[in-house]
Amino acid sequence: MESYPRWRDEFIDQLFKAILLLKNEKECYSFFEDLATVNEIKEFSLRFEMARMLNTGSTYEEIFNKTGASSATISRVKRYLNYGADGYKLILERLFGKKK
């Protein structure tokens, strides 16, 4: 039986189902432009880049130099990368293959 997070609700289910219906990057850009602020989208993209860099062995200093993220934010991303629900790992593997 699959386990879902405690924060799951009907609105989040609906959002995720909507995201799964997007067919390409252009549709993603259109949907997310309407859904979120540019800063929110950029924050998500920076967290994902931090996860990618951590996954390939980058140091906190390298990540800071590229993203400007604080060590607390990098640490939080690292914690979820290593001990979270494996969402980062799943997508990083699909996009870039196995960890080097």
PDB file of N, CA and C in Angstrom:
ATOM      1  N   MET A   1       0.840  -1.186   0.000  1.00  0.00           N
ATOM      2  CA  MET A   1       0.000   0.000   0.000  1.00  0.00           C
ATOM      3  C   MET A   1       0.887   1.253   0.000  1.00  0.00           C
ATOM      4  N   GLU A   2       0.573   2.182  -0.873  1.00  0.00           N
ATOM      5  CA  GLU A   2       1.359   3.408  -0.971  1.00  0.00           C
ATOM      6  C   GLU A   2       1.072   4.322   0.211  1.00  0.00           C
ATOM      7  N   SER A   3       2.104   5.017   0.629  1.00  0.00           N
ATOM      8  CA  SER A   3       1.976   5.972   1.718  1.00  0.00           C
ATOM      9  C   SER A   3       2.005   7.384   1.141  1.00  0.00           C
ATOM     10  N   TYR A   4       1.097   8.223   1.604  1.00  0.00           N
ATOM     11  CA  TYR A   4       1.051   9.601   1.149  1.00  0.00           C
ATOM     12  C   TYR A   4       1.354  10.527   2.321  1.00  0.00           C
ATOM     13  N   PRO A   5       1.880  11.700   2.028  1.00  0.00           N
ATOM     14  CA  PRO A   5       2.189  12.646   3.111  1.00  0.00           C
ATOM     15  C   PRO A   5       0.933  13.106   3.846  1.00  0.00           C
ATOM     16  N   ARG A   6       1.125  13.525   5.083  1.00  0.00           N
ATOM     17  CA  ARG A   6      -0.002  14.028   5.901  1.00  0.00           C
ATOM     18  C   ARG A   6      -0.624  15.264   5.287  1.00  0.00           C
ATOM     19  N   TRP A   7       0.149  16.029   4.518  1.00  0.00           N
ATOM     20  CA  TRP A   7      -0.369  17.276   3.962  1.00  0.00           C
ATOM     21  C   TRP A   7      -1.181  17.071   2.692  1.00  0.00           C
ATOM     22  N   ARG A   8      -1.362  15.830   2.277  1.00  0.00           N
ATOM     23  CA  ARG A   8      -2.153  15.545   1.081  1.00  0.00           C
ATOM     24  C   ARG A   8      -3.599  15.969   1.309  1.00  0.00           C
ATOM     25  N   ASP A   9      -4.170  16.596   0.299  1.00  0.00           N
ATOM     26  CA  ASP A   9      -5.593  16.924   0.324  1.00  0.00           C
ATOM     27  C   ASP A   9      -6.122  16.987  -1.100  1.00  0.00           C
ATOM     28  N   GLU A  10      -7.399  17.223  -1.253  1.00  0.00           N
ATOM     29  CA  GLU A  10      -8.029  17.195  -2.571  1.00  0.00           C
ATOM     30  C   GLU A  10      -7.496  18.286  -3.502  1.00  0.00           C
ATOM     31  N   PHE A  11      -7.125  19.435  -2.947  1.00  0.00           N
ATOM     32  CA  PHE A  11      -6.631  20.532  -3.784  1.00  0.00           C
ATOM     33  C   PHE A  11      -5.235  20.228  -4.323  1.00  0.00           C
ATOM     34  N   ILE A  12      -4.401  19.631  -3.479  1.00  0.00           N
ATOM     35  CA  ILE A  12      -3.060  19.248  -3.927  1.00  0.00           C
ATOM     36  C   ILE A  12      -3.158  18.119  -4.950  1.00  0.00           C
ATOM     37  N   ASP A  13      -4.038  17.148  -4.701  1.00  0.00           N
ATOM     38  CA  ASP A  13      -4.259  16.085  -5.691  1.00  0.00           C
ATOM     39  C   ASP A  13      -4.643  16.682  -7.037  1.00  0.00           C
ATOM     40  N   GLN A  14      -5.565  17.651  -7.010  1.00  0.00           N
ATOM     41  CA  GLN A  14      -6.017  18.292  -8.244  1.00  0.00           C
ATOM     42  C   GLN A  14      -4.872  19.014  -8.943  1.00  0.00           C
ATOM     43  N   LEU A  15      -4.039  19.728  -8.182  1.00  0.00           N
ATOM     44  CA  LEU A  15      -2.892  20.424  -8.758  1.00  0.00           C
ATOM     45  C   LEU A  15      -1.932  19.437  -9.413  1.00  0.00           C
ATOM     46  N   PHE A  16      -1.590  18.366  -8.716  1.00  0.00           N
ATOM     47  CA  PHE A  16      -0.653  17.388  -9.268  1.00  0.00           C
ATOM     48  C   PHE A  16      -1.219  16.713 -10.506  1.00  0.00           C
ATOM     49  N   LYS A  17      -2.508  16.422 -10.511  1.00  0.00           N
ATOM     50  CA  LYS A  17      -3.141  15.839 -11.705  1.00  0.00           C
ATOM     51  C   LYS A  17      -3.061  16.823 -12.875  1.00  0.00           C
ATOM     52  N   ALA A  18      -3.256  18.103 -12.587  1.00  0.00           N
ATOM     53  CA  ALA A  18      -3.152  19.121 -13.636  1.00  0.00           C
ATOM     54  C   ALA A  18      -1.728  19.176 -14.188  1.00  0.00           C
ATOM     55  N   ILE A  19      -0.733  19.152 -13.312  1.00  0.00           N
ATOM     56  CA  ILE A  19       0.662  19.190 -13.751  1.00  0.00           C
ATOM     57  C   ILE A  19       0.978  17.986 -14.633  1.00  0.00           C
ATOM     58  N   LEU A  20       0.462  16.829 -14.268  1.00  0.00           N
ATOM     59  CA  LEU A  20       0.709  15.622 -15.060  1.00  0.00           C
ATOM     60  C   LEU A  20       0.082  15.689 -16.453  1.00  0.00           C
ATOM     61  N   LEU A  21      -0.853  16.588 -16.670  1.00  0.00           N
ATOM     62  CA  LEU A  21      -1.473  16.748 -17.989  1.00  0.00           C
ATOM     63  C   LEU A  21      -0.668  17.639 -18.936  1.00  0.00           C
ATOM     64  N   LEU A  22       0.320  18.360 -18.398  1.00  0.00           N
ATOM     65  CA  LEU A  22       1.144  19.216 -19.250  1.00  0.00           C
ATOM     66  C   LEU A  22       1.967  18.352 -20.202  1.00  0.00           C
ATOM     67  N   LYS A  23       2.039  18.776 -21.463  1.00  0.00           N
ATOM     68  CA  LYS A  23       2.652  17.931 -22.493  1.00  0.00           C
ATOM     69  C   LYS A  23       4.047  18.346 -22.902  1.00  0.00           C
ATOM     70  N   ASN A  24       4.453  19.589 -22.623  1.00  0.00           N
ATOM     71  CA  ASN A  24       5.774  20.045 -23.053  1.00  0.00           C
ATOM     72  C   ASN A  24       6.189  21.266 -22.237  1.00  0.00           C
ATOM     73  N   GLU A  25       7.415  21.723 -22.477  1.00  0.00           N
ATOM     74  CA  GLU A  25       7.931  22.868 -21.721  1.00  0.00           C
ATOM     75  C   GLU A  25       7.092  24.123 -21.938  1.00  0.00           C
ATOM     76  N   LYS A  26       6.634  24.354 -23.151  1.00  0.00           N
ATOM     77  CA  LYS A  26       5.831  25.547 -23.430  1.00  0.00           C
ATOM     78  C   LYS A  26       4.570  25.550 -22.571  1.00  0.00           C
ATOM     79  N   GLU A  27       3.902  24.409 -22.476  1.00  0.00           N
ATOM     80  CA  GLU A  27       2.718  24.316 -21.631  1.00  0.00           C
ATOM     81  C   GLU A  27       3.077  24.519 -20.162  1.00  0.00           C
ATOM     82  N   CYS A  28       4.220  24.005 -19.742  1.00  0.00           N
ATOM     83  CA  CYS A  28       4.679  24.206 -18.358  1.00  0.00           C
ATOM     84  C   CYS A  28       4.897  25.686 -18.081  1.00  0.00           C
ATOM     85  N   TYR A  29       5.592  26.364 -18.989  1.00  0.00           N
ATOM     86  CA  TYR A  29       5.826  27.798 -18.808  1.00  0.00           C
ATOM     87  C   TYR A  29       4.501  28.551 -18.703  1.00  0.00           C
ATOM     88  N   SER A  30       3.553  28.252 -19.558  1.00  0.00           N
ATOM     89  CA  SER A  30       2.256  28.941 -19.531  1.00  0.00           C
ATOM     90  C   SER A  30       1.515  28.688 -18.224  1.00  0.00           C
ATOM     91  N   PHE A  31       1.449  27.426 -17.820  1.00  0.00           N
ATOM     92  CA  PHE A  31       0.721  27.077 -16.607  1.00  0.00           C
ATOM     93  C   PHE A  31       1.368  27.698 -15.374  1.00  0.00           C
ATOM     94  N   PHE A  32       2.687  27.523 -15.241  1.00  0.00           N
ATOM     95  CA  PHE A  32       3.360  28.023 -14.054  1.00  0.00           C
ATOM     96  C   PHE A  32       3.429  29.549 -14.018  1.00  0.00           C
ATOM     97  N   GLU A  33       3.432  30.201 -15.173  1.00  0.00           N
ATOM     98  CA  GLU A  33       3.388  31.667 -15.188  1.00  0.00           C
ATOM     99  C   GLU A  33       2.082  32.166 -14.594  1.00  0.00           C
ATOM    100  N   ASP A  34       1.011  31.444 -14.871  1.00  0.00           N
ATOM    101  CA  ASP A  34      -0.287  31.814 -14.309  1.00  0.00           C
ATOM    102  C   ASP A  34      -0.418  31.382 -12.845  1.00  0.00           C
ATOM    103  N   LEU A  35       0.228  30.306 -12.470  1.00  0.00           N
ATOM    104  CA  LEU A  35       0.066  29.721 -11.139  1.00  0.00           C
ATOM    105  C   LEU A  35       0.903  30.400 -10.062  1.00  0.00           C
ATOM    106  N   ALA A  36       2.136  30.744 -10.381  1.00  0.00           N
ATOM    107  CA  ALA A  36       3.073  31.200  -9.356  1.00  0.00           C
ATOM    108  C   ALA A  36       3.777  32.477  -9.791  1.00  0.00           C
ATOM    109  N   THR A  37       4.408  33.123  -8.822  1.00  0.00           N
ATOM    110  CA  THR A  37       5.207  34.297  -9.161  1.00  0.00           C
ATOM    111  C   THR A  37       6.526  33.834  -9.772  1.00  0.00           C
ATOM    112  N   VAL A  38       7.178  34.737 -10.476  1.00  0.00           N
ATOM    113  CA  VAL A  38       8.484  34.419 -11.053  1.00  0.00           C
ATOM    114  C   VAL A  38       9.455  34.036  -9.949  1.00  0.00           C
ATOM    115  N   ASN A  39       9.418  34.742  -8.819  1.00  0.00           N
ATOM    116  CA  ASN A  39      10.321  34.417  -7.712  1.00  0.00           C
ATOM    117  C   ASN A  39      10.074  33.027  -7.145  1.00  0.00           C
ATOM    118  N   GLU A  40       8.819  32.608  -7.035  1.00  0.00           N
ATOM    119  CA  GLU A  40       8.508  31.259  -6.539  1.00  0.00           C
ATOM    120  C   GLU A  40       9.055  30.196  -7.491  1.00  0.00           C
ATOM    121  N   ILE A  41       8.864  30.405  -8.773  1.00  0.00           N
ATOM    122  CA  ILE A  41       9.361  29.451  -9.770  1.00  0.00           C
ATOM    123  C   ILE A  41      10.880  29.402  -9.740  1.00  0.00           C
ATOM    124  N   LYS A  42      11.513  30.566  -9.641  1.00  0.00           N
ATOM    125  CA  LYS A  42      12.977  30.601  -9.579  1.00  0.00           C
ATOM    126  C   LYS A  42      13.489  29.902  -8.320  1.00  0.00           C
ATOM    127  N   GLU A  43      12.796  30.056  -7.202  1.00  0.00           N
ATOM    128  CA  GLU A  43      13.199  29.388  -5.963  1.00  0.00           C
ATOM    129  C   GLU A  43      13.132  27.863  -6.129  1.00  0.00           C
ATOM    130  N   PHE A  44      12.073  27.368  -6.733  1.00  0.00           N
ATOM    131  CA  PHE A  44      11.986  25.927  -7.005  1.00  0.00           C
ATOM    132  C   PHE A  44      13.135  25.469  -7.898  1.00  0.00           C
ATOM    133  N   SER A  45      13.416  26.241  -8.932  1.00  0.00           N
ATOM    134  CA  SER A  45      14.477  25.843  -9.861  1.00  0.00           C
ATOM    135  C   SER A  45      15.840  25.868  -9.185  1.00  0.00           C
ATOM    136  N   LEU A  46      16.075  26.833  -8.289  1.00  0.00           N
ATOM    137  CA  LEU A  46      17.343  26.877  -7.564  1.00  0.00           C
ATOM    138  C   LEU A  46      17.481  25.693  -6.607  1.00  0.00           C
ATOM    139  N   ARG A  47      16.411  25.329  -5.933  1.00  0.00           N
ATOM    140  CA  ARG A  47      16.460  24.156  -5.051  1.00  0.00           C
ATOM    141  C   ARG A  47      16.775  22.903  -5.856  1.00  0.00           C
ATOM    142  N   PHE A  48      16.169  22.801  -7.017  1.00  0.00           N
ATOM    143  CA  PHE A  48      16.433  21.623  -7.853  1.00  0.00           C
ATOM    144  C   PHE A  48      17.882  21.618  -8.333  1.00  0.00           C
ATOM    145  N   GLU A  49      18.412  22.775  -8.684  1.00  0.00           N
ATOM    146  CA  GLU A  49      19.811  22.865  -9.096  1.00  0.00           C
ATOM    147  C   GLU A  49      20.729  22.504  -7.932  1.00  0.00           C
ATOM    148  N   MET A  50      20.385  22.951  -6.726  1.00  0.00           N
ATOM    149  CA  MET A  50      21.184  22.572  -5.555  1.00  0.00           C
ATOM    150  C   MET A  50      21.174  21.058  -5.372  1.00  0.00           C
ATOM    151  N   ALA A  51      20.026  20.435  -5.530  1.00  0.00           N
ATOM    152  CA  ALA A  51      19.939  18.977  -5.404  1.00  0.00           C
ATOM    153  C   ALA A  51      20.790  18.295  -6.467  1.00  0.00           C
ATOM    154  N   ARG A  52      20.742  18.810  -7.697  1.00  0.00           N
ATOM    155  CA  ARG A  52      21.556  18.234  -8.765  1.00  0.00           C
ATOM    156  C   ARG A  52      23.034  18.357  -8.429  1.00  0.00           C
ATOM    157  N   MET A  53      23.442  19.523  -7.973  1.00  0.00           N
ATOM    158  CA  MET A  53      24.852  19.741  -7.658  1.00  0.00           C
ATOM    159  C   MET A  53      25.304  18.881  -6.476  1.00  0.00           C
ATOM    160  N   LEU A  54      24.469  18.795  -5.442  1.00  0.00           N
ATOM    161  CA  LEU A  54      24.800  17.934  -4.304  1.00  0.00           C
ATOM    162  C   LEU A  54      24.914  16.485  -4.749  1.00  0.00           C
ATOM    163  N   ASN A  55      24.029  16.074  -5.623  1.00  0.00           N
ATOM    164  CA  ASN A  55      24.011  14.693  -6.107  1.00  0.00           C
ATOM    165  C   ASN A  55      25.270  14.346  -6.897  1.00  0.00           C
ATOM    166  N   THR A  56      25.911  15.357  -7.472  1.00  0.00           N
ATOM    167  CA  THR A  56      27.136  15.107  -8.241  1.00  0.00           C
ATOM    168  C   THR A  56      28.394  15.437  -7.450  1.00  0.00           C
ATOM    169  N   GLY A  57      28.212  15.722  -6.143  1.00  0.00           N
ATOM    170  CA  GLY A  57      29.366  15.903  -5.286  1.00  0.00           C
ATOM    171  C   GLY A  57      29.879  17.320  -5.137  1.00  0.00           C
ATOM    172  N   SER A  58      29.129  18.302  -5.565  1.00  0.00           N
ATOM    173  CA  SER A  58      29.560  19.695  -5.417  1.00  0.00           C
ATOM    174  C   SER A  58      29.610  20.080  -3.945  1.00  0.00           C
ATOM    175  N   THR A  59      30.503  20.997  -3.621  1.00  0.00           N
ATOM    176  CA  THR A  59      30.621  21.491  -2.262  1.00  0.00           C
ATOM    177  C   THR A  59      29.616  22.609  -2.020  1.00  0.00           C
ATOM    178  N   TYR A  60      29.399  22.920  -0.739  1.00  0.00           N
ATOM    179  CA  TYR A  60      28.524  24.036  -0.382  1.00  0.00           C
ATOM    180  C   TYR A  60      29.045  25.328  -1.013  1.00  0.00           C
ATOM    181  N   GLU A  61      30.352  25.508  -1.011  1.00  0.00           N
ATOM    182  CA  GLU A  61      30.937  26.723  -1.580  1.00  0.00           C
ATOM    183  C   GLU A  61      30.645  26.819  -3.075  1.00  0.00           C
ATOM    184  N   GLU A  62      30.778  25.717  -3.798  1.00  0.00           N
ATOM    185  CA  GLU A  62      30.475  25.712  -5.237  1.00  0.00           C
ATOM    186  C   GLU A  62      29.001  26.026  -5.477  1.00  0.00           C
ATOM    187  N   ILE A  63      28.152  25.443  -4.647  1.00  0.00           N
ATOM    188  CA  ILE A  63      26.714  25.677  -4.794  1.00  0.00           C
ATOM    189  C   ILE A  63      26.379  27.133  -4.479  1.00  0.00           C
ATOM    190  N   PHE A  64      26.962  27.672  -3.407  1.00  0.00           N
ATOM    191  CA  PHE A  64      26.751  29.076  -3.063  1.00  0.00           C
ATOM    192  C   PHE A  64      27.199  29.983  -4.208  1.00  0.00           C
ATOM    193  N   ASN A  65      28.381  29.706  -4.762  1.00  0.00           N
ATOM    194  CA  ASN A  65      28.908  30.541  -5.845  1.00  0.00           C
ATOM    195  C   ASN A  65      28.006  30.529  -7.069  1.00  0.00           C
ATOM    196  N   LYS A  66      27.355  29.412  -7.345  1.00  0.00           N
ATOM    197  CA  LYS A  66      26.487  29.319  -8.527  1.00  0.00           C
ATOM    198  C   LYS A  66      25.075  29.845  -8.259  1.00  0.00           C
ATOM    199  N   THR A  67      24.543  29.569  -7.053  1.00  0.00           N
ATOM    200  CA  THR A  67      23.135  29.887  -6.796  1.00  0.00           C
ATOM    201  C   THR A  67      22.916  31.049  -5.841  1.00  0.00           C
ATOM    202  N   GLY A  68      23.918  31.343  -5.024  1.00  0.00           N
ATOM    203  CA  GLY A  68      23.751  32.380  -4.008  1.00  0.00           C
ATOM    204  C   GLY A  68      22.956  31.920  -2.794  1.00  0.00           C
ATOM    205  N   ALA A  69      22.669  30.637  -2.718  1.00  0.00           N
ATOM    206  CA  ALA A  69      21.867  30.099  -1.616  1.00  0.00           C
ATOM    207  C   ALA A  69      22.671  30.065  -0.318  1.00  0.00           C
ATOM    208  N   SER A  70      21.967  30.248   0.783  1.00  0.00           N
ATOM    209  CA  SER A  70      22.614  30.192   2.091  1.00  0.00           C
ATOM    210  C   SER A  70      22.960  28.743   2.434  1.00  0.00           C
ATOM    211  N   SER A  71      23.874  28.575   3.371  1.00  0.00           N
ATOM    212  CA  SER A  71      24.240  27.223   3.794  1.00  0.00           C
ATOM    213  C   SER A  71      23.045  26.524   4.435  1.00  0.00           C
ATOM    214  N   ALA A  72      22.157  27.278   5.085  1.00  0.00           N
ATOM    215  CA  ALA A  72      20.957  26.675   5.678  1.00  0.00           C
ATOM    216  C   ALA A  72      20.043  26.090   4.601  1.00  0.00           C
ATOM    217  N   THR A  73      19.878  26.811   3.504  1.00  0.00           N
ATOM    218  CA  THR A  73      19.035  26.316   2.407  1.00  0.00           C
ATOM    219  C   THR A  73      19.682  25.112   1.736  1.00  0.00           C
ATOM    220  N   ILE A  74      20.978  25.184   1.504  1.00  0.00           N
ATOM    221  CA  ILE A  74      21.690  24.059   0.895  1.00  0.00           C
ATOM    222  C   ILE A  74      21.575  22.837   1.801  1.00  0.00           C
ATOM    223  N   SER A  75      21.736  23.049   3.094  1.00  0.00           N
ATOM    224  CA  SER A  75      21.630  21.959   4.069  1.00  0.00           C
ATOM    225  C   SER A  75      20.238  21.327   4.051  1.00  0.00           C
ATOM    226  N   ARG A  76      19.207  22.163   3.947  1.00  0.00           N
ATOM    227  CA  ARG A  76      17.837  21.659   3.892  1.00  0.00           C
ATOM    228  C   ARG A  76      17.629  20.804   2.640  1.00  0.00           C
ATOM    229  N   VAL A  77      18.122  21.282   1.509  1.00  0.00           N
ATOM    230  CA  VAL A  77      17.993  20.504   0.267  1.00  0.00           C
ATOM    231  C   VAL A  77      18.751  19.193   0.400  1.00  0.00           C
ATOM    232  N   LYS A  78      19.936  19.244   0.987  1.00  0.00           N
ATOM    233  CA  LYS A  78      20.731  18.026   1.181  1.00  0.00           C
ATOM    234  C   LYS A  78      19.998  17.026   2.067  1.00  0.00           C
ATOM    235  N   ARG A  79      19.372  17.515   3.127  1.00  0.00           N
ATOM    236  CA  ARG A  79      18.622  16.635   4.027  1.00  0.00           C
ATOM    237  C   ARG A  79      17.503  15.927   3.267  1.00  0.00           C
ATOM    238  N   TYR A  80      16.762  16.671   2.437  1.00  0.00           N
ATOM    239  CA  TYR A  80      15.684  16.048   1.670  1.00  0.00           C
ATOM    240  C   TYR A  80      16.223  15.128   0.580  1.00  0.00           C
ATOM    241  N   LEU A  81      17.343  15.492  -0.001  1.00  0.00           N
ATOM    242  CA  LEU A  81      17.964  14.630  -1.012  1.00  0.00           C
ATOM    243  C   LEU A  81      18.352  13.286  -0.393  1.00  0.00           C
ATOM    244  N   ASN A  82      18.892  13.327   0.820  1.00  0.00           N
ATOM    245  CA  ASN A  82      19.385  12.108   1.461  1.00  0.00           C
ATOM    246  C   ASN A  82      18.344  11.367   2.299  1.00  0.00           C
ATOM    247  N   TYR A  83      17.402  12.093   2.896  1.00  0.00           N
ATOM    248  CA  TYR A  83      16.480  11.465   3.845  1.00  0.00           C
ATOM    249  C   TYR A  83      15.010  11.768   3.569  1.00  0.00           C
ATOM    250  N   GLY A  84      14.721  12.363   2.439  1.00  0.00           N
ATOM    251  CA  GLY A  84      13.345  12.723   2.109  1.00  0.00           C
ATOM    252  C   GLY A  84      12.581  11.576   1.470  1.00  0.00           C
ATOM    253  N   ALA A  85      11.604  11.916   0.692  1.00  0.00           N
ATOM    254  CA  ALA A  85      10.717  10.936   0.048  1.00  0.00           C
ATOM    255  C   ALA A  85      11.279  10.398  -1.259  1.00  0.00           C
ATOM    256  N   ASP A  86      12.531  10.704  -1.573  1.00  0.00           N
ATOM    257  CA  ASP A  86      13.232  10.270  -2.785  1.00  0.00           C
ATOM    258  C   ASP A  86      12.711  10.908  -4.075  1.00  0.00           C
ATOM    259  N   GLY A  87      11.976  12.003  -3.940  1.00  0.00           N
ATOM    260  CA  GLY A  87      11.488  12.714  -5.123  1.00  0.00           C
ATOM    261  C   GLY A  87      12.617  13.318  -5.943  1.00  0.00           C
ATOM    262  N   TYR A  88      13.574  13.963  -5.249  1.00  0.00           N
ATOM    263  CA  TYR A  88      14.729  14.504  -5.971  1.00  0.00           C
ATOM    264  C   TYR A  88      15.463  13.384  -6.703  1.00  0.00           C
ATOM    265  N   LYS A  89      15.739  12.299  -5.993  1.00  0.00           N
ATOM    266  CA  LYS A  89      16.515  11.196  -6.583  1.00  0.00           C
ATOM    267  C   LYS A  89      15.816  10.624  -7.807  1.00  0.00           C
ATOM    268  N   LEU A  90      14.522  10.451  -7.719  1.00  0.00           N
ATOM    269  CA  LEU A  90      13.744   9.915  -8.835  1.00  0.00           C
ATOM    270  C   LEU A  90      13.910  10.772 -10.086  1.00  0.00           C
ATOM    271  N   ILE A  91      13.711  12.075  -9.933  1.00  0.00           N
ATOM    272  CA  ILE A  91      13.761  12.959 -11.092  1.00  0.00           C
ATOM    273  C   ILE A  91      15.185  13.168 -11.582  1.00  0.00           C
ATOM    274  N   LEU A  92      16.139  13.283 -10.666  1.00  0.00           N
ATOM    275  CA  LEU A  92      17.539  13.432 -11.089  1.00  0.00           C
ATOM    276  C   LEU A  92      17.992  12.219 -11.889  1.00  0.00           C
ATOM    277  N   GLU A  93      17.595  11.035 -11.464  1.00  0.00           N
ATOM    278  CA  GLU A  93      17.968   9.827 -12.208  1.00  0.00           C
ATOM    279  C   GLU A  93      17.308   9.805 -13.581  1.00  0.00           C
ATOM    280  N   ARG A  94      16.050  10.201 -13.640  1.00  0.00           N
ATOM    281  CA  ARG A  94      15.359  10.213 -14.936  1.00  0.00           C
ATOM    282  C   ARG A  94      15.954  11.248 -15.890  1.00  0.00           C
ATOM    283  N   LEU A  95      16.348  12.396 -15.361  1.00  0.00           N
ATOM    284  CA  LEU A  95      16.902  13.448 -16.219  1.00  0.00           C
ATOM    285  C   LEU A  95      18.367  13.214 -16.580  1.00  0.00           C
ATOM    286  N   PHE A  96      19.151  12.775 -15.611  1.00  0.00           N
ATOM    287  CA  PHE A  96      20.608  12.742 -15.795  1.00  0.00           C
ATOM    288  C   PHE A  96      21.230  11.367 -15.660  1.00  0.00           C
ATOM    289  N   GLY A  97      20.449  10.345 -15.357  1.00  0.00           N
ATOM    290  CA  GLY A  97      21.010   9.020 -15.144  1.00  0.00           C
ATOM    291  C   GLY A  97      21.486   8.836 -13.708  1.00  0.00           C
ATOM    292  N   LYS A  98      22.128   7.744 -13.464  1.00  0.00           N
ATOM    293  CA  LYS A  98      22.600   7.414 -12.113  1.00  0.00           C
ATOM    294  C   LYS A  98      23.606   8.431 -11.610  1.00  0.00           C
ATOM    295  N   LYS A  99      23.669   8.561 -10.277  1.00  0.00           N
ATOM    296  CA  LYS A  99      24.638   9.442  -9.622  1.00  0.00           C
ATOM    297  C   LYS A  99      26.037   9.005 -10.003  1.00  0.00           C
ATOM    298  N   LYS A 100      26.883  10.001 -10.296  1.00  0.00           N
ATOM    299  CA  LYS A 100      28.253   9.704 -10.707  1.00  0.00           C
ATOM    300  C   LYS A 100      29.096   9.284  -9.528  1.00  0.00           C
TER     301      LYS A 100
END
